[in-house]
Amino acid sequence: MTYWDPIPTVRALVGQPHPLWRGDRVSRDWSAPAPDGWEQRDWRSVPGPFYAANSDNCLTGRQCAPDHVMYDDGYGSEFVYRRPRTPAEVHALTCAAECEPFGAYGGDGDAHWTPELVRD
């Protein structure tokens, strides 16, 4: 199995019209750390670059990326349960990140995952 790096696709979106929207531009580089940082990521996040840290409970993520975002607690905190494997899936996940009111998503997870964390 080969690892497909979604980060170039994410970075190419910055400042451009989002492929899933009409005219609105992507506001930030979603390959950067989450505002609350890696340490605050939801423990249920799957290994890979993307994660959510202290997201709100507006339940917007699955509207954009139902194949990648889930909330499974009483508060509706979002987490990334499946990594994107194509540009279209990256577009869906960045849509979820853009719609999350606190911008709680990060994309620097690959710099932090260790074999021990994956096993945990």
PDB file of N, CA and C in Angstrom:
ATOM      1  N   MET A   1       0.848  -1.176   0.000  1.00  0.00           N
ATOM      2  CA  MET A   1       0.000   0.000   0.000  1.00  0.00           C
ATOM      3  C   MET A   1       0.899   1.247   0.000  1.00  0.00           C
ATOM      4  N   THR A   2       0.567   2.204  -0.803  1.00  0.00           N
ATOM      5  CA  THR A   2       1.340   3.430  -0.933  1.00  0.00           C
ATOM      6  C   THR A   2       0.629   4.569  -0.203  1.00  0.00           C
ATOM      7  N   TYR A   3       1.441   5.406   0.431  1.00  0.00           N
ATOM      8  CA  TYR A   3       0.877   6.569   1.119  1.00  0.00           C
ATOM      9  C   TYR A   3       0.721   7.711   0.127  1.00  0.00           C
ATOM     10  N   TRP A   4      -0.492   8.214  -0.017  1.00  0.00           N
ATOM     11  CA  TRP A   4      -0.744   9.382  -0.859  1.00  0.00           C
ATOM     12  C   TRP A   4      -0.741  10.605   0.042  1.00  0.00           C
ATOM     13  N   ASP A   5       0.099  11.567  -0.274  1.00  0.00           N
ATOM     14  CA  ASP A   5       0.237  12.769   0.541  1.00  0.00           C
ATOM     15  C   ASP A   5      -0.803  13.815   0.114  1.00  0.00           C
ATOM     16  N   PRO A   6      -1.770  14.121   0.984  1.00  0.00           N
ATOM     17  CA  PRO A   6      -2.811  15.088   0.639  1.00  0.00           C
ATOM     18  C   PRO A   6      -2.392  16.543   0.816  1.00  0.00           C
ATOM     19  N   ILE A   7      -1.248  16.778   1.452  1.00  0.00           N
ATOM     20  CA  ILE A   7      -0.851  18.140   1.808  1.00  0.00           C
ATOM     21  C   ILE A   7      -0.666  19.054   0.591  1.00  0.00           C
ATOM     22  N   PRO A   8      -0.044  18.608  -0.510  1.00  0.00           N
ATOM     23  CA  PRO A   8       0.038  19.511  -1.677  1.00  0.00           C
ATOM     24  C   PRO A   8      -1.335  19.948  -2.188  1.00  0.00           C
ATOM     25  N   THR A   9      -2.312  19.070  -2.129  1.00  0.00           N
ATOM     26  CA  THR A   9      -3.674  19.426  -2.557  1.00  0.00           C
ATOM     27  C   THR A   9      -4.263  20.480  -1.630  1.00  0.00           C
ATOM     28  N   VAL A  10      -4.042  20.320  -0.324  1.00  0.00           N
ATOM     29  CA  VAL A  10      -4.545  21.288   0.657  1.00  0.00           C
ATOM     30  C   VAL A  10      -3.910  22.658   0.418  1.00  0.00           C
ATOM     31  N   ARG A  11      -2.612  22.670   0.265  1.00  0.00           N
ATOM     32  CA  ARG A  11      -1.908  23.950   0.100  1.00  0.00           C
ATOM     33  C   ARG A  11      -2.290  24.642  -1.199  1.00  0.00           C
ATOM     34  N   ALA A  12      -2.600  23.884  -2.233  1.00  0.00           N
ATOM     35  CA  ALA A  12      -3.003  24.481  -3.509  1.00  0.00           C
ATOM     36  C   ALA A  12      -4.365  25.168  -3.415  1.00  0.00           C
ATOM     37  N   LEU A  13      -5.163  24.819  -2.414  1.00  0.00           N
ATOM     38  CA  LEU A  13      -6.494  25.419  -2.247  1.00  0.00           C
ATOM     39  C   LEU A  13      -6.465  26.807  -1.615  1.00  0.00           C
ATOM     40  N   VAL A  14      -5.423  27.109  -0.861  1.00  0.00           N
ATOM     41  CA  VAL A  14      -5.389  28.354  -0.082  1.00  0.00           C
ATOM     42  C   VAL A  14      -5.567  29.566  -0.989  1.00  0.00           C
ATOM     43  N   GLY A  15      -6.572  30.372  -0.656  1.00  0.00           N
ATOM     44  CA  GLY A  15      -6.859  31.590  -1.407  1.00  0.00           C
ATOM     45  C   GLY A  15      -7.607  31.373  -2.710  1.00  0.00           C
ATOM     46  N   GLN A  16      -7.857  30.117  -3.042  1.00  0.00           N
ATOM     47  CA  GLN A  16      -8.561  29.786  -4.285  1.00  0.00           C
ATOM     48  C   GLN A  16     -10.043  29.520  -3.997  1.00  0.00           C
ATOM     49  N   PRO A  17     -10.887  29.653  -5.008  1.00  0.00           N
ATOM     50  CA  PRO A  17     -12.282  29.247  -4.802  1.00  0.00           C
ATOM     51  C   PRO A  17     -12.334  27.760  -4.464  1.00  0.00           C
ATOM     52  N   HIS A  18     -13.086  27.412  -3.454  1.00  0.00           N
ATOM     53  CA  HIS A  18     -13.200  26.007  -3.069  1.00  0.00           C
ATOM     54  C   HIS A  18     -13.994  25.258  -4.143  1.00  0.00           C
ATOM     55  N   PRO A  19     -13.523  24.096  -4.571  1.00  0.00           N
ATOM     56  CA  PRO A  19     -14.218  23.348  -5.626  1.00  0.00           C
ATOM     57  C   PRO A  19     -15.659  22.972  -5.300  1.00  0.00           C
ATOM     58  N   LEU A  20     -16.017  22.930  -4.023  1.00  0.00           N
ATOM     59  CA  LEU A  20     -17.376  22.540  -3.647  1.00  0.00           C
ATOM     60  C   LEU A  20     -18.308  23.720  -3.407  1.00  0.00           C
ATOM     61  N   TRP A  21     -17.799  24.919  -3.522  1.00  0.00           N
ATOM     62  CA  TRP A  21     -18.592  26.118  -3.255  1.00  0.00           C
ATOM     63  C   TRP A  21     -18.661  26.997  -4.487  1.00  0.00           C
ATOM     64  N   ARG A  22     -19.514  27.976  -4.419  1.00  0.00           N
ATOM     65  CA  ARG A  22     -19.633  28.959  -5.503  1.00  0.00           C
ATOM     66  C   ARG A  22     -18.955  30.250  -5.088  1.00  0.00           C
ATOM     67  N   GLY A  23     -17.731  30.445  -5.528  1.00  0.00           N
ATOM     68  CA  GLY A  23     -17.060  31.723  -5.340  1.00  0.00           C
ATOM     69  C   GLY A  23     -16.292  31.917  -4.051  1.00  0.00           C
ATOM     70  N   ASP A  24     -16.718  31.294  -2.943  1.00  0.00           N
ATOM     71  CA  ASP A  24     -16.003  31.487  -1.674  1.00  0.00           C
ATOM     72  C   ASP A  24     -14.617  30.872  -1.758  1.00  0.00           C
ATOM     73  N   ARG A  25     -13.647  31.592  -1.213  1.00  0.00           N
ATOM     74  CA  ARG A  25     -12.260  31.141  -1.254  1.00  0.00           C
ATOM     75  C   ARG A  25     -11.874  30.455   0.053  1.00  0.00           C
ATOM     76  N   VAL A  26     -10.927  29.543  -0.056  1.00  0.00           N
ATOM     77  CA  VAL A  26     -10.414  28.849   1.124  1.00  0.00           C
ATOM     78  C   VAL A  26      -9.622  29.853   1.948  1.00  0.00           C
ATOM     79  N   SER A  27      -9.969  29.967   3.221  1.00  0.00           N
ATOM     80  CA  SER A  27      -9.440  31.051   4.048  1.00  0.00           C
ATOM     81  C   SER A  27      -8.084  30.767   4.679  1.00  0.00           C
ATOM     82  N   ARG A  28      -7.746  29.495   4.862  1.00  0.00           N
ATOM     83  CA  ARG A  28      -6.475  29.231   5.536  1.00  0.00           C
ATOM     84  C   ARG A  28      -5.818  27.956   5.033  1.00  0.00           C
ATOM     85  N   ASP A  29      -4.566  27.804   5.368  1.00  0.00           N
ATOM     86  CA  ASP A  29      -3.807  26.608   5.006  1.00  0.00           C
ATOM     87  C   ASP A  29      -4.114  25.532   6.037  1.00  0.00           C
ATOM     88  N   TRP A  30      -4.919  24.561   5.645  1.00  0.00           N
ATOM     89  CA  TRP A  30      -5.349  23.517   6.573  1.00  0.00           C
ATOM     90  C   TRP A  30      -4.282  22.450   6.800  1.00  0.00           C
ATOM     91  N   SER A  31      -3.073  22.663   6.284  1.00  0.00           N
ATOM     92  CA  SER A  31      -1.967  21.759   6.606  1.00  0.00           C
ATOM     93  C   SER A  31      -1.244  22.235   7.862  1.00  0.00           C
ATOM     94  N   ALA A  32      -1.628  23.379   8.386  1.00  0.00           N
ATOM     95  CA  ALA A  32      -1.008  23.953   9.587  1.00  0.00           C
ATOM     96  C   ALA A  32      -1.563  23.274  10.848  1.00  0.00           C
ATOM     97  N   PRO A  33      -0.951  23.525  12.001  1.00  0.00           N
ATOM     98  CA  PRO A  33      -1.490  22.971  13.249  1.00  0.00           C
ATOM     99  C   PRO A  33      -2.875  23.527  13.566  1.00  0.00           C
ATOM    100  N   ALA A  34      -3.652  22.750  14.293  1.00  0.00           N
ATOM    101  CA  ALA A  34      -4.937  23.227  14.796  1.00  0.00           C
ATOM    102  C   ALA A  34      -4.686  24.356  15.790  1.00  0.00           C
ATOM    103  N   PRO A  35      -5.599  25.320  15.899  1.00  0.00           N
ATOM    104  CA  PRO A  35      -5.402  26.426  16.832  1.00  0.00           C
ATOM    105  C   PRO A  35      -5.122  25.978  18.266  1.00  0.00           C
ATOM    106  N   ASP A  36      -5.778  24.915  18.712  1.00  0.00           N
ATOM    107  CA  ASP A  36      -5.557  24.422  20.072  1.00  0.00           C
ATOM    108  C   ASP A  36      -4.410  23.424  20.152  1.00  0.00           C
ATOM    109  N   GLY A  37      -3.819  23.106  19.022  1.00  0.00           N
ATOM    110  CA  GLY A  37      -2.632  22.269  19.012  1.00  0.00           C
ATOM    111  C   GLY A  37      -2.878  20.772  18.973  1.00  0.00           C
ATOM    112  N   TRP A  38      -1.840  20.075  18.591  1.00  0.00           N
ATOM    113  CA  TRP A  38      -1.845  18.619  18.477  1.00  0.00           C
ATOM    114  C   TRP A  38      -2.235  17.953  19.800  1.00  0.00           C
ATOM    115  N   GLU A  39      -1.761  18.489  20.907  1.00  0.00           N
ATOM    116  CA  GLU A  39      -2.007  17.868  22.202  1.00  0.00           C
ATOM    117  C   GLU A  39      -3.495  17.815  22.552  1.00  0.00           C
ATOM    118  N   GLN A  40      -4.289  18.681  21.963  1.00  0.00           N
ATOM    119  CA  GLN A  40      -5.717  18.734  22.246  1.00  0.00           C
ATOM    120  C   GLN A  40      -6.559  17.971  21.224  1.00  0.00           C
ATOM    121  N   ARG A  41      -5.909  17.220  20.335  1.00  0.00           N
ATOM    122  CA  ARG A  41      -6.663  16.491  19.306  1.00  0.00           C
ATOM    123  C   ARG A  41      -7.609  15.484  19.950  1.00  0.00           C
ATOM    124  N   ASP A  42      -8.667  15.194  19.257  1.00  0.00           N
ATOM    125  CA  ASP A  42      -9.595  14.172  19.715  1.00  0.00           C
ATOM    126  C   ASP A  42      -8.880  12.827  19.614  1.00  0.00           C
ATOM    127  N   TRP A  43      -8.894  12.054  20.664  1.00  0.00           N
ATOM    128  CA  TRP A  43      -8.157  10.790  20.724  1.00  0.00           C
ATOM    129  C   TRP A  43      -8.639   9.796  19.679  1.00  0.00           C
ATOM    130  N   ARG A  44      -9.826   9.998  19.139  1.00  0.00           N
ATOM    131  CA  ARG A  44     -10.383   9.066  18.159  1.00  0.00           C
ATOM    132  C   ARG A  44      -9.890   9.327  16.740  1.00  0.00           C
ATOM    133  N   SER A  45      -9.119  10.381  16.536  1.00  0.00           N
ATOM    134  CA  SER A  45      -8.622  10.712  15.204  1.00  0.00           C
ATOM    135  C   SER A  45      -7.739   9.589  14.664  1.00  0.00           C
ATOM    136  N   VAL A  46      -7.937   9.254  13.413  1.00  0.00           N
ATOM    137  CA  VAL A  46      -7.151   8.215  12.756  1.00  0.00           C
ATOM    138  C   VAL A  46      -5.756   8.764  12.426  1.00  0.00           C
ATOM    139  N   PRO A  47      -4.715   7.940  12.478  1.00  0.00           N
ATOM    140  CA  PRO A  47      -3.381   8.420  12.097  1.00  0.00           C
ATOM    141  C   PRO A  47      -3.364   8.984  10.681  1.00  0.00           C
ATOM    142  N   GLY A  48      -2.719  10.093  10.536  1.00  0.00           N
ATOM    143  CA  GLY A  48      -2.628  10.798   9.269  1.00  0.00           C
ATOM    144  C   GLY A  48      -2.465  12.278   9.550  1.00  0.00           C
ATOM    145  N   PRO A  49      -2.453  13.091   8.525  1.00  0.00           N
ATOM    146  CA  PRO A  49      -2.183  14.506   8.744  1.00  0.00           C
ATOM    147  C   PRO A  49      -3.327  15.277   9.400  1.00  0.00           C
ATOM    148  N   PHE A  50      -4.569  14.882   9.185  1.00  0.00           N
ATOM    149  CA  PHE A  50      -5.699  15.697   9.617  1.00  0.00           C
ATOM    150  C   PHE A  50      -6.296  15.217  10.931  1.00  0.00           C
ATOM    151  N   TYR A  51      -6.698  16.175  11.745  1.00  0.00           N
ATOM    152  CA  TYR A  51      -7.322  15.886  13.041  1.00  0.00           C
ATOM    153  C   TYR A  51      -8.125  17.112  13.454  1.00  0.00           C
ATOM    154  N   ALA A  52      -9.003  16.919  14.437  1.00  0.00           N
ATOM    155  CA  ALA A  52      -9.737  18.042  15.028  1.00  0.00           C
ATOM    156  C   ALA A  52      -9.355  18.123  16.499  1.00  0.00           C
ATOM    157  N   ALA A  53      -9.236  19.348  17.001  1.00  0.00           N
ATOM    158  CA  ALA A  53      -8.868  19.576  18.393  1.00  0.00           C
ATOM    159  C   ALA A  53      -9.837  20.578  19.004  1.00  0.00           C
ATOM    160  N   ASN A  54     -10.630  20.126  19.951  1.00  0.00           N
ATOM    161  CA  ASN A  54     -11.603  20.991  20.630  1.00  0.00           C
ATOM    162  C   ASN A  54     -12.595  21.623  19.656  1.00  0.00           C
ATOM    163  N   SER A  55     -13.178  20.797  18.816  1.00  0.00           N
ATOM    164  CA  SER A  55     -14.180  21.320  17.898  1.00  0.00           C
ATOM    165  C   SER A  55     -15.457  21.624  18.671  1.00  0.00           C
ATOM    166  N   ASP A  56     -16.350  22.379  18.038  1.00  0.00           N
ATOM    167  CA  ASP A  56     -17.608  22.739  18.696  1.00  0.00           C
ATOM    168  C   ASP A  56     -18.638  21.635  18.477  1.00  0.00           C
ATOM    169  N   ASN A  57     -19.861  21.923  18.783  1.00  0.00           N
ATOM    170  CA  ASN A  57     -20.909  20.914  18.637  1.00  0.00           C
ATOM    171  C   ASN A  57     -21.960  21.315  17.614  1.00  0.00           C
ATOM    172  N   CYS A  58     -21.568  22.042  16.576  1.00  0.00           N
ATOM    173  CA  CYS A  58     -22.539  22.454  15.558  1.00  0.00           C
ATOM    174  C   CYS A  58     -22.878  21.335  14.575  1.00  0.00           C
ATOM    175  N   LEU A  59     -22.146  20.253  14.634  1.00  0.00           N
ATOM    176  CA  LEU A  59     -22.429  19.082  13.790  1.00  0.00           C
ATOM    177  C   LEU A  59     -22.401  19.421  12.295  1.00  0.00           C
ATOM    178  N   THR A  60     -21.417  20.191  11.894  1.00  0.00           N
ATOM    179  CA  THR A  60     -21.328  20.582  10.483  1.00  0.00           C
ATOM    180  C   THR A  60     -20.414  19.676   9.668  1.00  0.00           C
ATOM    181  N   GLY A  61     -19.473  18.998  10.286  1.00  0.00           N
ATOM    182  CA  GLY A  61     -18.458  18.238   9.557  1.00  0.00           C
ATOM    183  C   GLY A  61     -18.993  17.153   8.651  1.00  0.00           C
ATOM    184  N   ARG A  62     -19.967  16.405   9.101  1.00  0.00           N
ATOM    185  CA  ARG A  62     -20.501  15.306   8.284  1.00  0.00           C
ATOM    186  C   ARG A  62     -21.317  15.817   7.102  1.00  0.00           C
ATOM    187  N   GLN A  63     -21.799  17.050   7.174  1.00  0.00           N
ATOM    188  CA  GLN A  63     -22.513  17.607   6.027  1.00  0.00           C
ATOM    189  C   GLN A  63     -21.572  17.756   4.844  1.00  0.00           C
ATOM    190  N   CYS A  64     -20.311  18.078   5.120  1.00  0.00           N
ATOM    191  CA  CYS A  64     -19.308  18.257   4.064  1.00  0.00           C
ATOM    192  C   CYS A  64     -18.562  16.974   3.749  1.00  0.00           C
ATOM    193  N   ALA A  65     -18.208  16.233   4.779  1.00  0.00           N
ATOM    194  CA  ALA A  65     -17.327  15.075   4.606  1.00  0.00           C
ATOM    195  C   ALA A  65     -17.846  13.866   5.385  1.00  0.00           C
ATOM    196  N   PRO A  66     -18.984  13.314   4.980  1.00  0.00           N
ATOM    197  CA  PRO A  66     -19.550  12.192   5.740  1.00  0.00           C
ATOM    198  C   PRO A  66     -18.671  10.943   5.737  1.00  0.00           C
ATOM    199  N   ASP A  67     -17.794  10.815   4.759  1.00  0.00           N
ATOM    200  CA  ASP A  67     -16.911   9.650   4.705  1.00  0.00           C
ATOM    201  C   ASP A  67     -15.636   9.830   5.511  1.00  0.00           C
ATOM    202  N   HIS A  68     -15.472  10.993   6.157  1.00  0.00           N
ATOM    203  CA  HIS A  68     -14.226  11.286   6.850  1.00  0.00           C
ATOM    204  C   HIS A  68     -14.390  11.850   8.251  1.00  0.00           C
ATOM    205  N   VAL A  69     -15.530  12.472   8.535  1.00  0.00           N
ATOM    206  CA  VAL A  69     -15.742  13.131   9.819  1.00  0.00           C
ATOM    207  C   VAL A  69     -16.871  12.432  10.562  1.00  0.00           C
ATOM    208  N   MET A  70     -16.673  12.291  11.866  1.00  0.00           N
ATOM    209  CA  MET A  70     -17.683  11.666  12.700  1.00  0.00           C
ATOM    210  C   MET A  70     -17.764  12.427  14.021  1.00  0.00           C
ATOM    211  N   TYR A  71     -18.904  12.316  14.678  1.00  0.00           N
ATOM    212  CA  TYR A  71     -19.059  12.776  16.051  1.00  0.00           C
ATOM    213  C   TYR A  71     -19.844  11.698  16.764  1.00  0.00           C
ATOM    214  N   ASP A  72     -19.292  11.235  17.849  1.00  0.00           N
ATOM    215  CA  ASP A  72     -19.880  10.083  18.508  1.00  0.00           C
ATOM    216  C   ASP A  72     -19.901  10.268  20.020  1.00  0.00           C
ATOM    217  N   ASP A  73     -20.245  11.470  20.450  1.00  0.00           N
ATOM    218  CA  ASP A  73     -20.385  11.697  21.879  1.00  0.00           C
ATOM    219  C   ASP A  73     -21.542  12.662  22.107  1.00  0.00           C
ATOM    220  N   GLY A  74     -21.885  12.905  23.332  1.00  0.00           N
ATOM    221  CA  GLY A  74     -23.007  13.775  23.663  1.00  0.00           C
ATOM    222  C   GLY A  74     -22.789  15.227  23.312  1.00  0.00           C
ATOM    223  N   TYR A  75     -21.560  15.604  23.008  1.00  0.00           N
ATOM    224  CA  TYR A  75     -21.243  17.000  22.720  1.00  0.00           C
ATOM    225  C   TYR A  75     -21.099  17.287  21.230  1.00  0.00           C
ATOM    226  N   GLY A  76     -21.023  16.272  20.411  1.00  0.00           N
ATOM    227  CA  GLY A  76     -20.883  16.478  18.985  1.00  0.00           C
ATOM    228  C   GLY A  76     -19.491  16.886  18.552  1.00  0.00           C
ATOM    229  N   SER A  77     -18.493  16.620  19.379  1.00  0.00           N
ATOM    230  CA  SER A  77     -17.113  16.957  19.001  1.00  0.00           C
ATOM    231  C   SER A  77     -16.707  16.150  17.770  1.00  0.00           C
ATOM    232  N   GLU A  78     -16.155  16.849  16.789  1.00  0.00           N
ATOM    233  CA  GLU A  78     -15.800  16.208  15.525  1.00  0.00           C
ATOM    234  C   GLU A  78     -14.420  15.562  15.601  1.00  0.00           C
ATOM    235  N   PHE A  79     -14.257  14.475  14.849  1.00  0.00           N
ATOM    236  CA  PHE A  79     -12.942  13.876  14.676  1.00  0.00           C
ATOM    237  C   PHE A  79     -12.854  13.261  13.289  1.00  0.00           C
ATOM    238  N   VAL A  80     -11.640  13.145  12.796  1.00  0.00           N
ATOM    239  CA  VAL A  80     -11.389  12.573  11.470  1.00  0.00           C
ATOM    240  C   VAL A  80     -11.184  11.077  11.651  1.00  0.00           C
ATOM    241  N   TYR A  81     -12.100  10.280  11.086  1.00  0.00           N
ATOM    242  CA  TYR A  81     -12.014   8.841  11.264  1.00  0.00           C
ATOM    243  C   TYR A  81     -11.478   8.113  10.040  1.00  0.00           C
ATOM    244  N   ARG A  82     -11.292   8.836   8.940  1.00  0.00           N
ATOM    245  CA  ARG A  82     -10.761   8.223   7.724  1.00  0.00           C
ATOM    246  C   ARG A  82      -9.957   9.259   6.968  1.00  0.00           C
ATOM    247  N   ARG A  83      -8.746   8.882   6.554  1.00  0.00           N
ATOM    248  CA  ARG A  83      -7.882   9.797   5.805  1.00  0.00           C
ATOM    249  C   ARG A  83      -8.387   9.965   4.379  1.00  0.00           C
ATOM    250  N   PRO A  84      -8.204  11.157   3.806  1.00  0.00           N
ATOM    251  CA  PRO A  84      -8.552  11.341   2.392  1.00  0.00           C
ATOM    252  C   PRO A  84      -7.538  10.627   1.504  1.00  0.00           C
ATOM    253  N   ARG A  85      -8.027  10.078   0.393  1.00  0.00           N
ATOM    254  CA  ARG A  85      -7.156   9.346  -0.532  1.00  0.00           C
ATOM    255  C   ARG A  85      -7.148   9.922  -1.935  1.00  0.00           C
ATOM    256  N   THR A  86      -7.939  10.972  -2.153  1.00  0.00           N
ATOM    257  CA  THR A  86      -8.015  11.597  -3.473  1.00  0.00           C
ATOM    258  C   THR A  86      -8.174  13.103  -3.288  1.00  0.00           C
ATOM    259  N   PRO A  87      -7.904  13.889  -4.321  1.00  0.00           N
ATOM    260  CA  PRO A  87      -8.156  15.330  -4.205  1.00  0.00           C
ATOM    261  C   PRO A  87      -9.610  15.653  -3.842  1.00  0.00           C
ATOM    262  N   ALA A  88     -10.572  14.923  -4.399  1.00  0.00           N
ATOM    263  CA  ALA A  88     -11.984  15.188  -4.078  1.00  0.00           C
ATOM    264  C   ALA A  88     -12.262  14.967  -2.593  1.00  0.00           C
ATOM    265  N   GLU A  89     -11.632  13.954  -2.001  1.00  0.00           N
ATOM    266  CA  GLU A  89     -11.818  13.705  -0.577  1.00  0.00           C
ATOM    267  C   GLU A  89     -11.144  14.792   0.265  1.00  0.00           C
ATOM    268  N   VAL A  90     -10.019  15.323  -0.207  1.00  0.00           N
ATOM    269  CA  VAL A  90      -9.374  16.455   0.479  1.00  0.00           C
ATOM    270  C   VAL A  90     -10.281  17.668   0.426  1.00  0.00           C
ATOM    271  N   HIS A  91     -10.922  17.885  -0.710  1.00  0.00           N
ATOM    272  CA  HIS A  91     -11.845  19.013  -0.842  1.00  0.00           C
ATOM    273  C   HIS A  91     -12.982  18.883   0.163  1.00  0.00           C
ATOM    274  N   ALA A  92     -13.518  17.685   0.332  1.00  0.00           N
ATOM    275  CA  ALA A  92     -14.601  17.472   1.295  1.00  0.00           C
ATOM    276  C   ALA A  92     -14.119  17.754   2.722  1.00  0.00           C
ATOM    277  N   LEU A  93     -12.931  17.273   3.055  1.00  0.00           N
ATOM    278  CA  LEU A  93     -12.412  17.477   4.411  1.00  0.00           C
ATOM    279  C   LEU A  93     -12.077  18.945   4.680  1.00  0.00           C
ATOM    280  N   THR A  94     -11.551  19.650   3.689  1.00  0.00           N
ATOM    281  CA  THR A  94     -11.289  21.082   3.899  1.00  0.00           C
ATOM    282  C   THR A  94     -12.597  21.864   3.997  1.00  0.00           C
ATOM    283  N   CYS A  95     -13.628  21.395   3.341  1.00  0.00           N
ATOM    284  CA  CYS A  95     -14.951  22.008   3.490  1.00  0.00           C
ATOM    285  C   CYS A  95     -15.406  21.870   4.945  1.00  0.00           C
ATOM    286  N   ALA A  96     -15.233  20.681   5.539  1.00  0.00           N
ATOM    287  CA  ALA A  96     -15.596  20.476   6.939  1.00  0.00           C
ATOM    288  C   ALA A  96     -14.780  21.394   7.842  1.00  0.00           C
ATOM    289  N   ALA A  97     -13.499  21.527   7.558  1.00  0.00           N
ATOM    290  CA  ALA A  97     -12.631  22.388   8.370  1.00  0.00           C
ATOM    291  C   ALA A  97     -13.056  23.849   8.260  1.00  0.00           C
ATOM    292  N   GLU A  98     -13.362  24.287   7.055  1.00  0.00           N
ATOM    293  CA  GLU A  98     -13.781  25.678   6.845  1.00  0.00           C
ATOM    294  C   GLU A  98     -15.110  25.971   7.537  1.00  0.00           C
ATOM    295  N   CYS A  99     -15.993  24.993   7.613  1.00  0.00           N
ATOM    296  CA  CYS A  99     -17.316  25.205   8.206  1.00  0.00           C
ATOM    297  C   CYS A  99     -17.315  25.107   9.724  1.00  0.00           C
ATOM    298  N   GLU A 100     -16.282  24.535  10.302  1.00  0.00           N
ATOM    299  CA  GLU A 100     -16.200  24.398  11.758  1.00  0.00           C
ATOM    300  C   GLU A 100     -15.955  25.789  12.343  1.00  0.00           C
ATOM    301  N   PRO A 101     -16.871  26.306  13.187  1.00  0.00           N
ATOM    302  CA  PRO A 101     -16.797  27.698  13.629  1.00  0.00           C
ATOM    303  C   PRO A 101     -15.494  28.124  14.300  1.00  0.00           C
ATOM    304  N   PHE A 102     -14.825  27.208  14.970  1.00  0.00           N
ATOM    305  CA  PHE A 102     -13.601  27.568  15.669  1.00  0.00           C
ATOM    306  C   PHE A 102     -12.341  27.227  14.881  1.00  0.00           C
ATOM    307  N   GLY A 103     -12.495  26.733  13.652  1.00  0.00           N
ATOM    308  CA  GLY A 103     -11.329  26.366  12.857  1.00  0.00           C
ATOM    309  C   GLY A 103     -10.475  25.337  13.561  1.00  0.00           C
ATOM    310  N   ALA A 104     -11.106  24.372  14.209  1.00  0.00           N
ATOM    311  CA  ALA A 104     -10.428  23.444  15.105  1.00  0.00           C
ATOM    312  C   ALA A 104      -9.650  22.332  14.408  1.00  0.00           C
ATOM    313  N   TYR A 105      -9.574  22.367  13.107  1.00  0.00           N
ATOM    314  CA  TYR A 105      -8.860  21.316  12.381  1.00  0.00           C
ATOM    315  C   TYR A 105      -7.390  21.660  12.197  1.00  0.00           C
ATOM    316  N   GLY A 106      -6.585  20.626  12.146  1.00  0.00           N
ATOM    317  CA  GLY A 106      -5.166  20.776  11.856  1.00  0.00           C
ATOM    318  C   GLY A 106      -4.748  19.756  10.814  1.00  0.00           C
ATOM    319  N   GLY A 107      -3.611  20.016  10.178  1.00  0.00           N
ATOM    320  CA  GLY A 107      -3.121  19.115   9.141  1.00  0.00           C
ATOM    321  C   GLY A 107      -1.659  18.751   9.308  1.00  0.00           C
ATOM    322  N   ASP A 108      -1.136  18.930  10.507  1.00  0.00           N
ATOM    323  CA  ASP A 108       0.273  18.611  10.747  1.00  0.00           C
ATOM    324  C   ASP A 108       0.453  17.301  11.513  1.00  0.00           C
ATOM    325  N   GLY A 109      -0.554  16.456  11.484  1.00  0.00           N
ATOM    326  CA  GLY A 109      -0.509  15.214  12.251  1.00  0.00           C
ATOM    327  C   GLY A 109       0.633  14.287  11.891  1.00  0.00           C
ATOM    328  N   ASP A 110       1.024  14.236  10.625  1.00  0.00           N
ATOM    329  CA  ASP A 110       2.109  13.338  10.233  1.00  0.00           C
ATOM    330  C   ASP A 110       3.420  13.684  10.932  1.00  0.00           C
ATOM    331  N   ALA A 111       3.568  14.912  11.373  1.00  0.00           N
ATOM    332  CA  ALA A 111       4.786  15.305  12.089  1.00  0.00           C
ATOM    333  C   ALA A 111       4.768  14.815  13.538  1.00  0.00           C
ATOM    334  N   HIS A 112       3.625  14.316  14.012  1.00  0.00           N
ATOM    335  CA  HIS A 112       3.486  13.951  15.423  1.00  0.00           C
ATOM    336  C   HIS A 112       3.258  12.460  15.673  1.00  0.00           C
ATOM    337  N   TRP A 113       2.638  11.770  14.727  1.00  0.00           N
ATOM    338  CA  TRP A 113       2.324  10.362  14.971  1.00  0.00           C
ATOM    339  C   TRP A 113       3.595   9.551  15.151  1.00  0.00           C
ATOM    340  N   THR A 114       3.564   8.688  16.130  1.00  0.00           N
ATOM    341  CA  THR A 114       4.656   7.759  16.385  1.00  0.00           C
ATOM    342  C   THR A 114       4.068   6.349  16.396  1.00  0.00           C
ATOM    343  N   PRO A 115       4.897   5.323  16.254  1.00  0.00           N
ATOM    344  CA  PRO A 115       4.357   3.958  16.341  1.00  0.00           C
ATOM    345  C   PRO A 115       3.620   3.707  17.664  1.00  0.00           C
ATOM    346  N   GLU A 116       4.094   4.296  18.747  1.00  0.00           N
ATOM    347  CA  GLU A 116       3.443   4.111  20.032  1.00  0.00           C
ATOM    348  C   GLU A 116       2.048   4.727  20.054  1.00  0.00           C
ATOM    349  N   LEU A 117       1.923   5.943  19.502  1.00  0.00           N
ATOM    350  CA  LEU A 117       0.612   6.588  19.456  1.00  0.00           C
ATOM    351  C   LEU A 117      -0.354   5.814  18.569  1.00  0.00           C
ATOM    352  N   VAL A 118       0.142   5.282  17.474  1.00  0.00           N
ATOM    353  CA  VAL A 118      -0.721   4.502  16.583  1.00  0.00           C
ATOM    354  C   VAL A 118      -1.216   3.257  17.316  1.00  0.00           C
ATOM    355  N   ARG A 119      -0.336   2.610  18.039  1.00  0.00           N
ATOM    356  CA  ARG A 119      -0.735   1.419  18.799  1.00  0.00           C
ATOM    357  C   ARG A 119      -1.751   1.755  19.888  1.00  0.00           C
ATOM    358  N   ASP A 120      -1.574   2.900  20.544  1.00  0.00           N
ATOM    359  CA  ASP A 120      -2.523   3.315  21.581  1.00  0.00           C
ATOM    360  C   ASP A 120      -3.901   3.515  21.007  1.00  0.00           C
TER     361      ASP A 120
END
